Amino acid sequence: MTDDTDSTVPPGAAGRSPRWERDLLERLAFAAVTEQRRARRWGIFFKLFFAAYLVLILVLAQSDSWSGKSLATSHTALIDIEGVISADSLANADNVISGLRAAYENKSTQGIVIRANSPGGSPVQAGYINDEIKRLRAKYPKIPLYAVIGDMCASGCYYVVAAADKIYADKASIVGSIGVLMNGFGFVDTMKKVGVERRLMTAGEHKGFLDPFGPVKPAEAKLAQQMLDEIHRQFIETVRQGRGKALKETKDMFSGLFWTGEEAIKLGLVDSLGGASYVAREVIGAEDIVDYTYRENVFDRFARRLGTAMAQTIGTDLLSRTPSLR
């Protein structure tokens, strides 16, 4: 007897059509083509999505040029200082100064209002803004600059607005806190109780300056106090220079205390009561207000948060020992 069974047929293929291998290959080929088409469609979708995102970013970036800033009509320029004044916040010197310069350079600007609502912040950033205000006022003497205080203008915020021609506030605004602080924590006793040993290696006698895990060294505490006193002196001189004869100094004026807007008028820290609209309409005489404040777009917000997250890991210890006008 002869065996007619094809020995090349794989197990389980008996009884199938002789074209089964070809059918299988065709199905595999069609599946691959379908998958390629699906992948191509997704690729086109993501490319279009990315292109639309870029267009949105460009639109947001160009929004300033489409805003009222390009108007040729007379107007009052507005720059907001909102929140803590620091290098990594929106109320940093670069952003505020950019808005100020743009406002002064516009020939239709009749006057400028800085609307301040801040607890203070970096003496360096506040000093940059104060210096630039004085420079721009000297360069454009015909354009007045007024400060309008919102809920609060304390410490570094007041350092900024002291350079204005006049300062306005609400009767309930919080004004003052002319002082400097440096804060931190000490964990020496806690480490002893927990049984943790501090191992700090430095090159330089004071490289571990005011280390929170070690006892306070009298020489370092004295040096820190001298630094705070020096910055405080600079702050006081800036306020005296900015307010001039309007200032009615008291023994508590530069102690870090703060007052309501109504009391601040009596002390000469504020000139009068009024808001931004009032100043634009009644003082400057240009009721139309154009906002020159830097506004963060989506791309800037993402980049800032990414950069802040990376920088915080590196700079937390240094920032904790930086003097602050708050």
C-alpha atoms as a PDB file:
ATOM      1  CA  MET A   1       0.000   0.000   0.000  1.00  0.00           C
ATOM      2  CA  THR A   2       1.157   3.485  -0.759  1.00  0.00           C
ATOM      3  CA  ASP A   3       0.789   6.489   1.593  1.00  0.00           C
ATOM      4  CA  ASP A   4      -0.745   9.440  -0.354  1.00  0.00           C
ATOM      5  CA  THR A   5      -0.423  11.812   2.616  1.00  0.00           C
ATOM      6  CA  ASP A   6       1.913  14.768   1.956  1.00  0.00           C
ATOM      7  CA  SER A   7       4.559  14.651   4.648  1.00  0.00           C
ATOM      8  CA  THR A   8       5.155  18.418   4.302  1.00  0.00           C
ATOM      9  CA  VAL A   9       1.704  19.378   5.514  1.00  0.00           C
ATOM     10  CA  PRO A  10       2.002  20.678   9.085  1.00  0.00           C
ATOM     11  CA  PRO A  11       0.093  18.907  11.846  1.00  0.00           C
ATOM     12  CA  GLY A  12      -3.525  19.926  12.016  1.00  0.00           C
ATOM     13  CA  ALA A  13      -3.619  21.024   8.388  1.00  0.00           C
ATOM     14  CA  ALA A  14      -5.109  17.769   7.113  1.00  0.00           C
ATOM     15  CA  GLY A  15      -8.396  18.338   5.366  1.00  0.00           C
ATOM     16  CA  ARG A  16      -7.689  21.988   4.640  1.00  0.00           C
ATOM     17  CA  SER A  17      -7.730  23.560   1.180  1.00  0.00           C
ATOM     18  CA  PRO A  18      -4.427  23.275  -0.691  1.00  0.00           C
ATOM     19  CA  ARG A  19      -4.489  27.115  -0.834  1.00  0.00           C
ATOM     20  CA  TRP A  20      -4.487  27.542   2.971  1.00  0.00           C
ATOM     21  CA  GLU A  21      -0.932  28.838   3.080  1.00  0.00           C
ATOM     22  CA  ARG A  22      -1.657  31.448   0.440  1.00  0.00           C
ATOM     23  CA  ASP A  23      -4.874  32.502   2.191  1.00  0.00           C
ATOM     24  CA  LEU A  24      -2.994  32.886   5.447  1.00  0.00           C
ATOM     25  CA  LEU A  25      -0.311  35.046   3.825  1.00  0.00           C
ATOM     26  CA  GLU A  26      -2.975  37.209   2.172  1.00  0.00           C
ATOM     27  CA  ARG A  27      -4.728  37.754   5.485  1.00  0.00           C
ATOM     28  CA  LEU A  28      -1.431  38.656   7.142  1.00  0.00           C
ATOM     29  CA  ALA A  29      -0.632  41.071   4.308  1.00  0.00           C
ATOM     30  CA  PHE A  30      -4.054  42.730   4.550  1.00  0.00           C
ATOM     31  CA  ALA A  31      -3.673  43.030   8.332  1.00  0.00           C
ATOM     32  CA  ALA A  32      -0.279  44.682   7.904  1.00  0.00           C
ATOM     33  CA  VAL A  33      -1.669  47.128   5.349  1.00  0.00           C
ATOM     34  CA  THR A  34      -4.578  47.950   7.648  1.00  0.00           C
ATOM     35  CA  GLU A  35      -2.215  48.545  10.545  1.00  0.00           C
ATOM     36  CA  GLN A  36      -0.031  50.791   8.391  1.00  0.00           C
ATOM     37  CA  ARG A  37      -3.071  52.822   7.356  1.00  0.00           C
ATOM     38  CA  ARG A  38      -4.157  53.150  10.977  1.00  0.00           C
ATOM     39  CA  ALA A  39      -0.662  54.237  12.011  1.00  0.00           C
ATOM     40  CA  ARG A  40      -0.559  56.733   9.137  1.00  0.00           C
ATOM     41  CA  ARG A  41      -3.888  58.227  10.185  1.00  0.00           C
ATOM     42  CA  TRP A  42      -2.694  58.618  13.785  1.00  0.00           C
ATOM     43  CA  GLY A  43       0.537  60.137  12.538  1.00  0.00           C
ATOM     44  CA  ILE A  44      -1.380  62.699  10.481  1.00  0.00           C
ATOM     45  CA  PHE A  45      -3.615  63.435  13.474  1.00  0.00           C
ATOM     46  CA  PHE A  46      -0.686  64.090  15.812  1.00  0.00           C
ATOM     47  CA  LYS A  47       1.080  66.223  13.222  1.00  0.00           C
ATOM     48  CA  LEU A  48      -2.030  68.341  12.755  1.00  0.00           C
ATOM     49  CA  PHE A  49      -2.495  68.551  16.521  1.00  0.00           C
ATOM     50  CA  PHE A  50       1.113  69.678  17.010  1.00  0.00           C
ATOM     51  CA  ALA A  51       0.786  72.230  14.196  1.00  0.00           C
ATOM     52  CA  ALA A  52      -2.403  73.609  15.747  1.00  0.00           C
ATOM     53  CA  TYR A  53      -0.640  73.823  19.114  1.00  0.00           C
ATOM     54  CA  LEU A  54       2.225  75.798  17.572  1.00  0.00           C
ATOM     55  CA  VAL A  55      -0.244  78.155  15.901  1.00  0.00           C
ATOM     56  CA  LEU A  56      -1.964  78.681  19.256  1.00  0.00           C
ATOM     57  CA  ILE A  57       1.364  79.482  20.908  1.00  0.00           C
ATOM     58  CA  LEU A  58       2.178  82.009  18.178  1.00  0.00           C
ATOM     59  CA  VAL A  59      -1.243  83.604  18.517  1.00  0.00           C
ATOM     60  CA  LEU A  60      -0.804  83.951  22.268  1.00  0.00           C
ATOM     61  CA  ALA A  61       2.706  85.286  21.834  1.00  0.00           C
ATOM     62  CA  GLN A  62       1.461  87.918  19.400  1.00  0.00           C
ATOM     63  CA  SER A  63      -1.596  88.815  21.448  1.00  0.00           C
ATOM     64  CA  ASP A  64       0.117  91.888  22.834  1.00  0.00           C
ATOM     65  CA  SER A  65       0.465  93.391  19.380  1.00  0.00           C
ATOM     66  CA  TRP A  66      -3.239  92.802  18.737  1.00  0.00           C
ATOM     67  CA  SER A  67      -4.297  94.338  22.043  1.00  0.00           C
ATOM     68  CA  GLY A  68      -5.023  97.963  22.830  1.00  0.00           C
ATOM     69  CA  LYS A  69      -1.307  98.710  23.085  1.00  0.00           C
ATOM     70  CA  SER A  70      -1.199  99.535  19.415  1.00  0.00           C
ATOM     71  CA  LEU A  71      -4.001 102.108  19.734  1.00  0.00           C
ATOM     72  CA  ALA A  72      -3.096 105.611  18.683  1.00  0.00           C
ATOM     73  CA  THR A  73      -5.665 107.160  21.018  1.00  0.00           C
ATOM     74  CA  SER A  74      -4.622 108.742  24.289  1.00  0.00           C
ATOM     75  CA  HIS A  75      -4.792 106.344  27.205  1.00  0.00           C
ATOM     76  CA  THR A  76      -3.591 105.508  30.690  1.00  0.00           C
ATOM     77  CA  ALA A  77      -1.085 102.654  30.824  1.00  0.00           C
ATOM     78  CA  LEU A  78      -1.571 100.017  33.517  1.00  0.00           C
ATOM     79  CA  ILE A  79       1.057  97.648  34.927  1.00  0.00           C
ATOM     80  CA  ASP A  80      -0.002  95.141  37.588  1.00  0.00           C
ATOM     81  CA  ILE A  81       2.339  93.894  40.313  1.00  0.00           C
ATOM     82  CA  GLU A  82       0.517  90.903  41.750  1.00  0.00           C
ATOM     83  CA  GLY A  83       1.853  88.425  44.298  1.00  0.00           C
ATOM     84  CA  VAL A  84       5.331  87.877  45.668  1.00  0.00           C
ATOM     85  CA  ILE A  85       8.091  89.857  43.956  1.00  0.00           C
ATOM     86  CA  SER A  86      10.811  87.345  43.147  1.00  0.00           C
ATOM     87  CA  ALA A  87      13.003  86.228  40.280  1.00  0.00           C
ATOM     88  CA  ASP A  88      10.888  83.117  39.601  1.00  0.00           C
ATOM     89  CA  SER A  89       7.448  84.746  39.867  1.00  0.00           C
ATOM     90  CA  LEU A  90       5.450  86.677  37.283  1.00  0.00           C
ATOM     91  CA  ALA A  91       6.073  89.808  39.343  1.00  0.00           C
ATOM     92  CA  ASN A  92       9.799  89.757  38.640  1.00  0.00           C
ATOM     93  CA  ALA A  93      11.849  92.789  37.659  1.00  0.00           C
ATOM     94  CA  ASP A  94      12.218  91.812  33.991  1.00  0.00           C
ATOM     95  CA  ASN A  95       8.460  91.484  33.453  1.00  0.00           C
ATOM     96  CA  VAL A  96       7.556  94.680  35.288  1.00  0.00           C
ATOM     97  CA  ILE A  97      10.319  96.707  33.649  1.00  0.00           C
ATOM     98  CA  SER A  98       9.349  95.445  30.176  1.00  0.00           C
ATOM     99  CA  GLY A  99       5.805  96.684  30.742  1.00  0.00           C
ATOM    100  CA  LEU A 100       7.034 100.043  32.033  1.00  0.00           C
ATOM    101  CA  ARG A 101       9.333 100.613  29.067  1.00  0.00           C
ATOM    102  CA  ALA A 102       6.611  99.710  26.571  1.00  0.00           C
ATOM    103  CA  ALA A 103       4.195 102.089  28.274  1.00  0.00           C
ATOM    104  CA  TYR A 104       6.642 105.002  28.300  1.00  0.00           C
ATOM    105  CA  GLU A 105       7.655 104.431  24.668  1.00  0.00           C
ATOM    106  CA  ASN A 106       4.071 104.616  23.419  1.00  0.00           C
ATOM    107  CA  LYS A 107       3.483 108.219  22.349  1.00  0.00           C
ATOM    108  CA  SER A 108      -0.218 107.899  23.201  1.00  0.00           C
ATOM    109  CA  THR A 109       0.469 107.197  26.870  1.00  0.00           C
ATOM    110  CA  GLN A 110      -0.728 110.122  28.980  1.00  0.00           C
ATOM    111  CA  GLY A 111       0.166 108.609  32.323  1.00  0.00           C
ATOM    112  CA  ILE A 112       1.073 105.309  33.967  1.00  0.00           C
ATOM    113  CA  VAL A 113      -0.526 103.481  36.873  1.00  0.00           C
ATOM    114  CA  ILE A 114       1.261 100.718  38.765  1.00  0.00           C
ATOM    115  CA  ARG A 115      -1.469  98.704  40.461  1.00  0.00           C
ATOM    116  CA  ALA A 116       0.274  96.955  43.354  1.00  0.00           C
ATOM    117  CA  ASN A 117      -1.069  94.058  45.382  1.00  0.00           C
ATOM    118  CA  SER A 118       1.862  92.238  46.955  1.00  0.00           C
ATOM    119  CA  PRO A 119       3.248  91.201  50.371  1.00  0.00           C
ATOM    120  CA  GLY A 120       6.771  92.027  49.186  1.00  0.00           C
ATOM    121  CA  GLY A 121       9.646  89.751  48.271  1.00  0.00           C
ATOM    122  CA  SER A 122      13.207  90.036  47.030  1.00  0.00           C
ATOM    123  CA  PRO A 123      15.026  93.283  47.851  1.00  0.00           C
ATOM    124  CA  VAL A 124      17.088  92.795  44.694  1.00  0.00           C
ATOM    125  CA  GLN A 125      14.076  92.510  42.378  1.00  0.00           C
ATOM    126  CA  ALA A 126      12.326  95.405  44.140  1.00  0.00           C
ATOM    127  CA  GLY A 127      15.481  97.493  43.863  1.00  0.00           C
ATOM    128  CA  TYR A 128      15.785  96.839  40.124  1.00  0.00           C
ATOM    129  CA  ILE A 129      12.206  98.030  39.552  1.00  0.00           C
ATOM    130  CA  ASN A 130      12.620 101.081  41.782  1.00  0.00           C
ATOM    131  CA  ASP A 131      15.812 102.132  39.980  1.00  0.00           C
ATOM    132  CA  GLU A 132      14.205 101.707  36.565  1.00  0.00           C
ATOM    133  CA  ILE A 133      11.150 103.742  37.551  1.00  0.00           C
ATOM    134  CA  LYS A 134      13.404 106.616  38.590  1.00  0.00           C
ATOM    135  CA  ARG A 135      15.385 106.362  35.354  1.00  0.00           C
ATOM    136  CA  LEU A 136      12.264 106.327  33.182  1.00  0.00           C
ATOM    137  CA  ARG A 137      10.682 109.215  35.083  1.00  0.00           C
ATOM    138  CA  ALA A 138      13.795 111.280  34.421  1.00  0.00           C
ATOM    139  CA  LYS A 139      13.817 110.285  30.753  1.00  0.00           C
ATOM    140  CA  TYR A 140      10.088 110.980  30.219  1.00  0.00           C
ATOM    141  CA  PRO A 141       9.330 113.864  32.618  1.00  0.00           C
ATOM    142  CA  LYS A 142       6.024 114.708  30.921  1.00  0.00           C
ATOM    143  CA  ILE A 143       4.510 111.284  31.634  1.00  0.00           C
ATOM    144  CA  PRO A 144       3.444 110.979  35.301  1.00  0.00           C
ATOM    145  CA  LEU A 145       3.612 107.632  37.095  1.00  0.00           C
ATOM    146  CA  TYR A 146       1.271 106.847  39.969  1.00  0.00           C
ATOM    147  CA  ALA A 147       0.992 103.819  42.223  1.00  0.00           C
ATOM    148  CA  VAL A 148      -2.375 102.439  43.293  1.00  0.00           C
ATOM    149  CA  ILE A 149      -2.378  99.990  46.204  1.00  0.00           C
ATOM    150  CA  GLY A 150      -4.895  97.158  46.283  1.00  0.00           C
ATOM    151  CA  ASP A 151      -5.400  94.869  49.277  1.00  0.00           C
ATOM    152  CA  MET A 152      -1.771  95.070  50.328  1.00  0.00           C
ATOM    153  CA  CYS A 153       1.511  96.742  49.475  1.00  0.00           C
ATOM    154  CA  ALA A 154       3.996  95.728  52.120  1.00  0.00           C
ATOM    155  CA  SER A 155       7.768  95.621  52.437  1.00  0.00           C
ATOM    156  CA  GLY A 156       9.348  94.983  49.010  1.00  0.00           C
ATOM    157  CA  CYS A 157       6.168  96.143  47.301  1.00  0.00           C
ATOM    158  CA  TYR A 158       6.408  99.494  49.060  1.00  0.00           C
ATOM    159  CA  TYR A 159      10.095  99.581  48.099  1.00  0.00           C
ATOM    160  CA  VAL A 160       8.864  99.599  44.474  1.00  0.00           C
ATOM    161  CA  VAL A 161       6.039 102.132  44.708  1.00  0.00           C
ATOM    162  CA  ALA A 162       8.098 104.604  46.739  1.00  0.00           C
ATOM    163  CA  ALA A 163       9.535 105.730  43.388  1.00  0.00           C
ATOM    164  CA  ALA A 164       6.128 106.854  42.054  1.00  0.00           C
ATOM    165  CA  ASP A 165       5.068 110.499  41.693  1.00  0.00           C
ATOM    166  CA  LYS A 166       2.157 109.839  44.032  1.00  0.00           C
ATOM    167  CA  ILE A 167       0.683 106.838  45.827  1.00  0.00           C
ATOM    168  CA  TYR A 168      -3.042 106.098  46.109  1.00  0.00           C
ATOM    169  CA  ALA A 169      -4.754 103.411  48.182  1.00  0.00           C
ATOM    170  CA  ASP A 170      -8.081 102.263  49.549  1.00  0.00           C
ATOM    171  CA  LYS A 171      -8.848 103.221  53.137  1.00  0.00           C
ATOM    172  CA  ALA A 172      -8.612  99.535  54.124  1.00  0.00           C
ATOM    173  CA  SER A 173      -5.422  98.712  52.186  1.00  0.00           C
ATOM    174  CA  ILE A 174      -2.489  97.346  54.194  1.00  0.00           C
ATOM    175  CA  VAL A 175       0.602  99.526  53.758  1.00  0.00           C
ATOM    176  CA  GLY A 176       4.086  99.531  55.254  1.00  0.00           C
ATOM    177  CA  SER A 177       6.136  96.728  56.841  1.00  0.00           C
ATOM    178  CA  ILE A 178       9.354  98.587  56.097  1.00  0.00           C
ATOM    179  CA  GLY A 179      11.839  96.021  57.359  1.00  0.00           C
ATOM    180  CA  VAL A 180      13.947  93.010  56.363  1.00  0.00           C
ATOM    181  CA  LEU A 181      13.854  89.429  57.571  1.00  0.00           C
ATOM    182  CA  MET A 182      15.768  86.180  57.204  1.00  0.00           C
ATOM    183  CA  ASN A 183      14.053  83.113  58.603  1.00  0.00           C
ATOM    184  CA  GLY A 184      14.792  79.436  59.023  1.00  0.00           C
ATOM    185  CA  PHE A 185      14.642  76.524  61.467  1.00  0.00           C
ATOM    186  CA  GLY A 186      17.021  74.825  63.870  1.00  0.00           C
ATOM    187  CA  PHE A 187      17.006  71.029  64.270  1.00  0.00           C
ATOM    188  CA  VAL A 188      19.897  70.507  66.697  1.00  0.00           C
ATOM    189  CA  ASP A 189      17.882  69.181  69.653  1.00  0.00           C
ATOM    190  CA  THR A 190      15.591  67.165  67.382  1.00  0.00           C
ATOM    191  CA  MET A 191      18.588  65.389  65.848  1.00  0.00           C
ATOM    192  CA  LYS A 192      19.932  64.545  69.293  1.00  0.00           C
ATOM    193  CA  LYS A 193      16.613  62.993  70.313  1.00  0.00           C
ATOM    194  CA  VAL A 194      16.284  61.030  67.093  1.00  0.00           C
ATOM    195  CA  GLY A 195      19.923  59.978  67.187  1.00  0.00           C
ATOM    196  CA  VAL A 196      20.942  61.481  63.842  1.00  0.00           C
ATOM    197  CA  GLU A 197      24.520  62.586  63.320  1.00  0.00           C
ATOM    198  CA  ARG A 198      25.224  65.606  61.106  1.00  0.00           C
ATOM    199  CA  ARG A 199      28.156  65.123  58.737  1.00  0.00           C
ATOM    200  CA  LEU A 200      28.940  68.391  56.988  1.00  0.00           C
ATOM    201  CA  MET A 201      32.205  68.881  55.154  1.00  0.00           C
ATOM    202  CA  THR A 202      33.196  72.339  53.932  1.00  0.00           C
ATOM    203  CA  ALA A 203      36.167  74.192  52.504  1.00  0.00           C
ATOM    204  CA  GLY A 204      35.989  77.651  53.999  1.00  0.00           C
ATOM    205  CA  GLU A 205      35.321  78.604  57.605  1.00  0.00           C
ATOM    206  CA  HIS A 206      31.807  79.942  57.001  1.00  0.00           C
ATOM    207  CA  LYS A 207      30.697  77.824  54.047  1.00  0.00           C
ATOM    208  CA  GLY A 208      28.121  76.157  56.312  1.00  0.00           C
ATOM    209  CA  PHE A 209      26.765  79.573  57.252  1.00  0.00           C
ATOM    210  CA  LEU A 210      23.800  79.278  59.652  1.00  0.00           C
ATOM    211  CA  ASP A 211      23.472  75.552  59.040  1.00  0.00           C
ATOM    212  CA  PRO A 212      20.041  74.598  60.479  1.00  0.00           C
ATOM    213  CA  PHE A 213      21.431  71.249  61.687  1.00  0.00           C
ATOM    214  CA  GLY A 214      24.168  72.846  63.779  1.00  0.00           C
ATOM    215  CA  PRO A 215      24.225  75.326  66.668  1.00  0.00           C
ATOM    216  CA  VAL A 216      24.180  79.033  65.854  1.00  0.00           C
ATOM    217  CA  LYS A 217      27.674  80.510  65.871  1.00  0.00           C
ATOM    218  CA  PRO A 218      27.738  83.995  67.439  1.00  0.00           C
ATOM    219  CA  ALA A 219      30.099  85.339  64.766  1.00  0.00           C
ATOM    220  CA  GLU A 220      27.793  84.171  61.965  1.00  0.00           C
ATOM    221  CA  ALA A 221      24.679  85.521  63.686  1.00  0.00           C
ATOM    222  CA  LYS A 222      26.435  88.887  64.038  1.00  0.00           C
ATOM    223  CA  LEU A 223      27.384  88.882  60.359  1.00  0.00           C
ATOM    224  CA  ALA A 224      23.822  88.027  59.318  1.00  0.00           C
ATOM    225  CA  GLN A 225      22.443  90.840  61.457  1.00  0.00           C
ATOM    226  CA  GLN A 226      24.902  93.305  59.921  1.00  0.00           C
ATOM    227  CA  MET A 227      23.725  92.265  56.463  1.00  0.00           C
ATOM    228  CA  LEU A 228      20.065  92.691  57.421  1.00  0.00           C
ATOM    229  CA  ASP A 229      20.781  96.091  58.947  1.00  0.00           C
ATOM    230  CA  GLU A 230      22.550  97.199  55.770  1.00  0.00           C
ATOM    231  CA  ILE A 231      19.642  96.185  53.543  1.00  0.00           C
ATOM    232  CA  HIS A 232      17.250  97.852  55.985  1.00  0.00           C
ATOM    233  CA  ARG A 233      19.278 101.065  55.759  1.00  0.00           C
ATOM    234  CA  GLN A 234      19.063 100.928  51.953  1.00  0.00           C
ATOM    235  CA  PHE A 235      15.302 100.411  52.211  1.00  0.00           C
ATOM    236  CA  ILE A 236      14.871 103.389  54.553  1.00  0.00           C
ATOM    237  CA  GLU A 237      16.955 105.660  52.310  1.00  0.00           C
ATOM    238  CA  THR A 238      14.883 104.619  49.281  1.00  0.00           C
ATOM    239  CA  VAL A 239      11.626 105.448  51.071  1.00  0.00           C
ATOM    240  CA  ARG A 240      12.948 108.795  52.298  1.00  0.00           C
ATOM    241  CA  GLN A 241      14.193 109.702  48.837  1.00  0.00           C
ATOM    242  CA  GLY A 242      10.965 108.670  47.146  1.00  0.00           C
ATOM    243  CA  ARG A 243       8.517 110.256  49.587  1.00  0.00           C
ATOM    244  CA  GLY A 244      10.526 113.383  50.361  1.00  0.00           C
ATOM    245  CA  LYS A 245       8.852 116.018  52.520  1.00  0.00           C
ATOM    246  CA  ALA A 246       5.532 114.168  52.441  1.00  0.00           C
ATOM    247  CA  LEU A 247       6.913 111.595  54.874  1.00  0.00           C
ATOM    248  CA  LYS A 248       6.076 112.192  58.533  1.00  0.00           C
ATOM    249  CA  GLU A 249       8.504 109.900  60.299  1.00  0.00           C
ATOM    250  CA  THR A 250       7.684 108.278  63.616  1.00  0.00           C
ATOM    251  CA  LYS A 251       9.691 105.906  65.797  1.00  0.00           C
ATOM    252  CA  ASP A 252       7.677 102.964  64.442  1.00  0.00           C
ATOM    253  CA  MET A 253       7.728 103.882  60.772  1.00  0.00           C
ATOM    254  CA  PHE A 254      10.695 101.678  59.858  1.00  0.00           C
ATOM    255  CA  SER A 255      10.102  99.001  62.490  1.00  0.00           C
ATOM    256  CA  GLY A 256       8.243  96.577  60.242  1.00  0.00           C
ATOM    257  CA  LEU A 257       4.775  97.660  61.380  1.00  0.00           C
ATOM    258  CA  PHE A 258       2.013  98.282  58.852  1.00  0.00           C
ATOM    259  CA  TRP A 259      -1.065 100.474  58.689  1.00  0.00           C
ATOM    260  CA  THR A 260      -4.365 100.873  56.865  1.00  0.00           C
ATOM    261  CA  GLY A 261      -4.481 103.148  53.850  1.00  0.00           C
ATOM    262  CA  GLU A 262      -6.302 105.752  55.893  1.00  0.00           C
ATOM    263  CA  GLU A 263      -3.593 105.799  58.577  1.00  0.00           C
ATOM    264  CA  ALA A 264      -0.848 105.657  55.935  1.00  0.00           C
ATOM    265  CA  ILE A 265      -2.070 108.985  54.542  1.00  0.00           C
ATOM    266  CA  LYS A 266      -1.506 110.600  57.937  1.00  0.00           C
ATOM    267  CA  LEU A 267       2.051 109.221  57.980  1.00  0.00           C
ATOM    268  CA  GLY A 268       2.802 110.367  54.443  1.00  0.00           C
ATOM    269  CA  LEU A 269       3.254 106.825  53.140  1.00  0.00           C
ATOM    270  CA  VAL A 270       0.208 107.371  50.884  1.00  0.00           C
ATOM    271  CA  ASP A 271      -0.933 110.614  49.253  1.00  0.00           C
ATOM    272  CA  SER A 272      -4.647 110.059  48.812  1.00  0.00           C
ATOM    273  CA  LEU A 273      -7.462 107.542  48.496  1.00  0.00           C
ATOM    274  CA  GLY A 274      -8.378 106.245  45.045  1.00  0.00           C
ATOM    275  CA  GLY A 275      -8.344 103.319  42.644  1.00  0.00           C
ATOM    276  CA  ALA A 276      -6.877 102.824  39.179  1.00  0.00           C
ATOM    277  CA  SER A 277      -9.995 104.034  37.347  1.00  0.00           C
ATOM    278  CA  TYR A 278     -10.191 107.130  39.515  1.00  0.00           C
ATOM    279  CA  VAL A 279      -6.550 108.018  38.893  1.00  0.00           C
ATOM    280  CA  ALA A 280      -6.898 107.461  35.151  1.00  0.00           C
ATOM    281  CA  ARG A 281     -10.047 109.554  34.891  1.00  0.00           C
ATOM    282  CA  GLU A 282      -9.577 112.311  37.468  1.00  0.00           C
ATOM    283  CA  VAL A 283      -5.806 112.652  37.849  1.00  0.00           C
ATOM    284  CA  ILE A 284      -4.281 111.669  34.503  1.00  0.00           C
ATOM    285  CA  GLY A 285      -7.286 112.717  32.441  1.00  0.00           C
ATOM    286  CA  ALA A 286      -7.240 109.673  30.143  1.00  0.00           C
ATOM    287  CA  GLU A 287     -10.104 107.382  31.136  1.00  0.00           C
ATOM    288  CA  ASP A 288      -9.249 104.645  28.642  1.00  0.00           C
ATOM    289  CA  ILE A 289      -6.908 102.141  30.309  1.00  0.00           C
ATOM    290  CA  VAL A 290      -4.534  99.922  28.346  1.00  0.00           C
ATOM    291  CA  ASP A 291      -2.954  96.985  30.159  1.00  0.00           C
ATOM    292  CA  TYR A 292       0.806  96.652  29.632  1.00  0.00           C
ATOM    293  CA  THR A 293       1.227  93.906  32.217  1.00  0.00           C
ATOM    294  CA  TYR A 294       3.138  90.825  31.138  1.00  0.00           C
ATOM    295  CA  ARG A 295       0.652  87.963  30.829  1.00  0.00           C
ATOM    296  CA  GLU A 296       1.883  84.380  30.838  1.00  0.00           C
ATOM    297  CA  ASN A 297       0.776  82.189  27.923  1.00  0.00           C
ATOM    298  CA  VAL A 298       0.404  78.401  27.934  1.00  0.00           C
ATOM    299  CA  PHE A 299       3.911  77.717  26.644  1.00  0.00           C
ATOM    300  CA  ASP A 300       5.518  80.139  29.130  1.00  0.00           C
ATOM    301  CA  ARG A 301       3.575  78.583  31.992  1.00  0.00           C
ATOM    302  CA  PHE A 302       4.734  75.083  31.066  1.00  0.00           C
ATOM    303  CA  ALA A 303       8.351  76.176  30.657  1.00  0.00           C
ATOM    304  CA  ARG A 304       8.323  78.099  33.934  1.00  0.00           C
ATOM    305  CA  ARG A 305       6.869  75.206  35.892  1.00  0.00           C
ATOM    306  CA  LEU A 306       9.391  72.803  34.414  1.00  0.00           C
ATOM    307  CA  GLY A 307      12.260  75.145  35.185  1.00  0.00           C
ATOM    308  CA  THR A 308      10.956  75.881  38.674  1.00  0.00           C
ATOM    309  CA  ALA A 309      10.649  72.200  39.511  1.00  0.00           C
ATOM    310  CA  MET A 310      14.263  71.622  38.505  1.00  0.00           C
ATOM    311  CA  ALA A 311      15.581  74.737  40.237  1.00  0.00           C
ATOM    312  CA  GLN A 312      13.768  74.067  43.504  1.00  0.00           C
ATOM    313  CA  THR A 313      15.653  70.835  43.972  1.00  0.00           C
ATOM    314  CA  ILE A 314      18.960  72.666  43.667  1.00  0.00           C
ATOM    315  CA  GLY A 315      18.263  75.999  45.333  1.00  0.00           C
ATOM    316  CA  THR A 316      15.936  75.332  48.272  1.00  0.00           C
ATOM    317  CA  ASP A 317      18.672  75.549  50.891  1.00  0.00           C
ATOM    318  CA  LEU A 318      20.126  78.776  49.467  1.00  0.00           C
ATOM    319  CA  LEU A 319      16.760  80.475  49.121  1.00  0.00           C
ATOM    320  CA  SER A 320      15.882  79.674  52.718  1.00  0.00           C
ATOM    321  CA  ARG A 321      18.772  81.871  53.840  1.00  0.00           C
ATOM    322  CA  THR A 322      18.167  84.769  51.434  1.00  0.00           C
ATOM    323  CA  PRO A 323      17.064  88.107  52.970  1.00  0.00           C
ATOM    324  CA  SER A 324      13.475  89.005  52.153  1.00  0.00           C
ATOM    325  CA  LEU A 325      11.425  92.193  52.222  1.00  0.00           C
ATOM    326  CA  ARG A 326       8.337  90.455  53.568  1.00  0.00           C
END
